[in-house]
Amino acid sequence: MDKMVQVFLNLLDNAIKFSPDGGKISIKAGVKGKMVRCDISDQGIGIAKRDIPHIFKKFYRVDNSDKYEISGTGLGLSIVKHIVESHGGKISVRSKLRKGSTFTMLLPFERS
C-alpha cells in the first residue's frame, strides 16, 4: 500500500508543479468492470504530442525551459508506471499544451 501512496503523491506533486499559474486539480475515481479507475487532472502547461510516448521512460524530461524552470530527475513517472504495473494495473495520459493533463490509472480489485 505504501507504494500506491507514492504513486498518488508523485502524480499530485506533478499536477501542482506543472500548474505554475494555478488552476484546478481534480481526482476522480470509480469502477470500470473489474478495475478501479482513477483520473488525476490539472489545468497546467500540458505535454506536447511528441513527448507523450516517452514520458514514462527513465530520465525522460519534457523540455519546457522556454517558459518554466521546473526541476526533477525524470524518474518519477517511470517509477509510477512500474508500481502501477506491478499491481496489475495500467497508466496512461491525455494532454493538450497550455490546457493541462489527465493521468488515468486502472487497477484491478476484488469485490468482497
Protein backbone atom coordinates (compact mmCIF):
# COMPACT_ATOMS: atom_id res chain seq x y z
CA MET A 1 0.00 0.00 0.00
CA ASP A 2 2.89 2.39 0.69
CA LYS A 3 3.86 2.15 -2.96
CA MET A 4 0.41 3.26 -4.10
CA VAL A 5 0.69 6.26 -1.77
CA GLN A 6 3.95 7.06 -3.55
CA VAL A 7 2.12 6.88 -6.90
CA PHE A 8 -0.59 9.31 -5.80
CA LEU A 9 1.89 11.70 -4.19
CA ASN A 10 4.01 11.77 -7.34
CA LEU A 11 1.07 12.39 -9.65
CA LEU A 12 -0.37 15.09 -7.38
CA ASP A 13 3.04 16.73 -6.96
CA ASN A 14 3.42 16.82 -10.75
CA ALA A 15 -0.06 18.28 -11.18
CA ILE A 16 0.82 21.09 -8.78
CA LYS A 17 4.35 21.60 -10.11
CA PHE A 18 3.24 21.77 -13.75
CA SER A 19 0.41 24.18 -12.97
CA PRO A 20 2.60 27.19 -12.13
CA ASP A 21 -0.16 29.72 -12.78
CA GLY A 22 -2.65 27.87 -10.61
CA GLY A 23 -5.71 26.15 -11.93
CA LYS A 24 -7.92 23.35 -10.80
CA ILE A 25 -6.54 19.93 -9.92
CA SER A 26 -9.06 17.13 -9.65
CA ILE A 27 -9.11 13.49 -8.63
CA LYS A 28 -11.92 11.25 -9.83
CA ALA A 29 -12.33 7.58 -9.03
CA GLY A 30 -14.82 4.93 -9.99
CA VAL A 31 -15.30 1.36 -11.06
CA LYS A 32 -14.87 0.18 -14.65
CA GLY A 33 -15.62 -3.54 -14.96
CA LYS A 34 -13.23 -5.34 -12.62
CA MET A 35 -10.95 -2.32 -12.39
CA VAL A 36 -10.78 0.78 -10.24
CA ARG A 37 -10.26 3.83 -12.43
CA CYS A 38 -8.60 6.94 -11.07
CA ASP A 39 -8.07 10.16 -13.03
CA ILE A 40 -5.78 12.92 -11.78
CA SER A 41 -6.22 16.06 -13.87
CA ASP A 42 -4.68 19.50 -13.90
CA GLN A 43 -5.07 22.71 -15.88
CA GLY A 44 -1.32 23.17 -16.21
CA ILE A 45 1.14 23.58 -19.05
CA GLY A 46 0.32 20.27 -20.73
CA ILE A 47 2.55 17.90 -22.66
CA ALA A 48 3.36 18.11 -26.37
CA LYS A 49 2.15 15.20 -28.53
CA ARG A 50 5.74 14.34 -29.45
CA ASP A 51 6.64 13.87 -25.77
CA ILE A 52 3.68 11.74 -24.66
CA PRO A 53 5.09 8.39 -25.91
CA HIS A 54 8.26 8.99 -23.87
CA ILE A 55 7.16 10.46 -20.53
CA PHE A 56 7.11 7.10 -18.71
CA LYS A 57 10.72 6.33 -19.74
CA LYS A 58 13.53 6.64 -17.18
CA PHE A 59 15.24 10.04 -17.16
CA TYR A 60 12.99 11.47 -19.87
CA ARG A 61 12.29 15.13 -19.26
CA VAL A 62 9.96 17.31 -21.30
CA ASP A 63 11.82 20.40 -22.50
CA ASN A 64 9.80 23.30 -21.18
CA SER A 65 12.79 25.54 -20.47
CA ASP A 66 11.47 28.24 -22.81
CA LYS A 67 8.68 29.04 -20.31
CA TYR A 68 9.35 27.37 -16.95
CA GLU A 69 12.24 26.16 -14.85
CA ILE A 70 10.80 23.01 -13.30
CA SER A 71 13.22 20.74 -11.50
CA GLY A 72 13.17 16.96 -11.43
CA THR A 73 15.15 13.87 -12.29
CA GLY A 74 12.91 12.34 -14.93
CA LEU A 75 12.41 9.24 -12.78
CA GLY A 76 9.04 9.93 -11.16
CA LEU A 77 6.72 8.78 -13.94
CA SER A 78 8.83 5.73 -14.76
CA ILE A 79 8.59 4.71 -11.10
CA VAL A 80 4.85 5.40 -11.11
CA LYS A 81 4.40 3.18 -14.18
CA HIS A 82 6.48 0.41 -12.64
CA ILE A 83 4.45 0.45 -9.40
CA VAL A 84 1.08 0.56 -11.18
CA GLU A 85 2.06 -2.31 -13.49
CA SER A 86 3.46 -4.35 -10.59
CA HIS A 87 -0.04 -4.12 -9.05
CA GLY A 88 -1.53 -5.49 -12.29
CA GLY A 89 -2.67 -2.07 -13.50
CA LYS A 90 -2.13 0.32 -16.37
CA ILE A 91 -1.44 4.04 -16.56
CA SER A 92 -1.95 6.43 -19.45
CA VAL A 93 -2.05 10.15 -20.11
CA ARG A 94 -4.09 12.56 -22.22
CA SER A 95 -2.77 16.07 -22.57
CA LYS A 96 -3.02 19.31 -24.52
CA LEU A 97 -0.45 22.08 -24.47
CA ARG A 98 -1.47 25.04 -22.32
CA LYS A 99 -4.67 23.19 -21.34
CA GLY A 100 -3.46 20.51 -18.92
CA SER A 101 -3.10 16.78 -18.49
CA THR A 102 -5.06 13.82 -17.18
CA PHE A 103 -3.29 10.73 -15.90
CA THR A 104 -5.55 7.68 -15.77
CA MET A 105 -4.81 4.59 -13.72
CA LEU A 106 -6.70 1.32 -13.98
CA LEU A 107 -6.08 -1.06 -11.09
CA PRO A 108 -7.64 -4.48 -10.54
CA PHE A 109 -9.72 -5.15 -7.45
CA GLU A 110 -11.71 -7.94 -5.94
CA ARG A 111 -15.17 -7.42 -4.55
CA SER A 112 -15.71 -8.95 -1.15
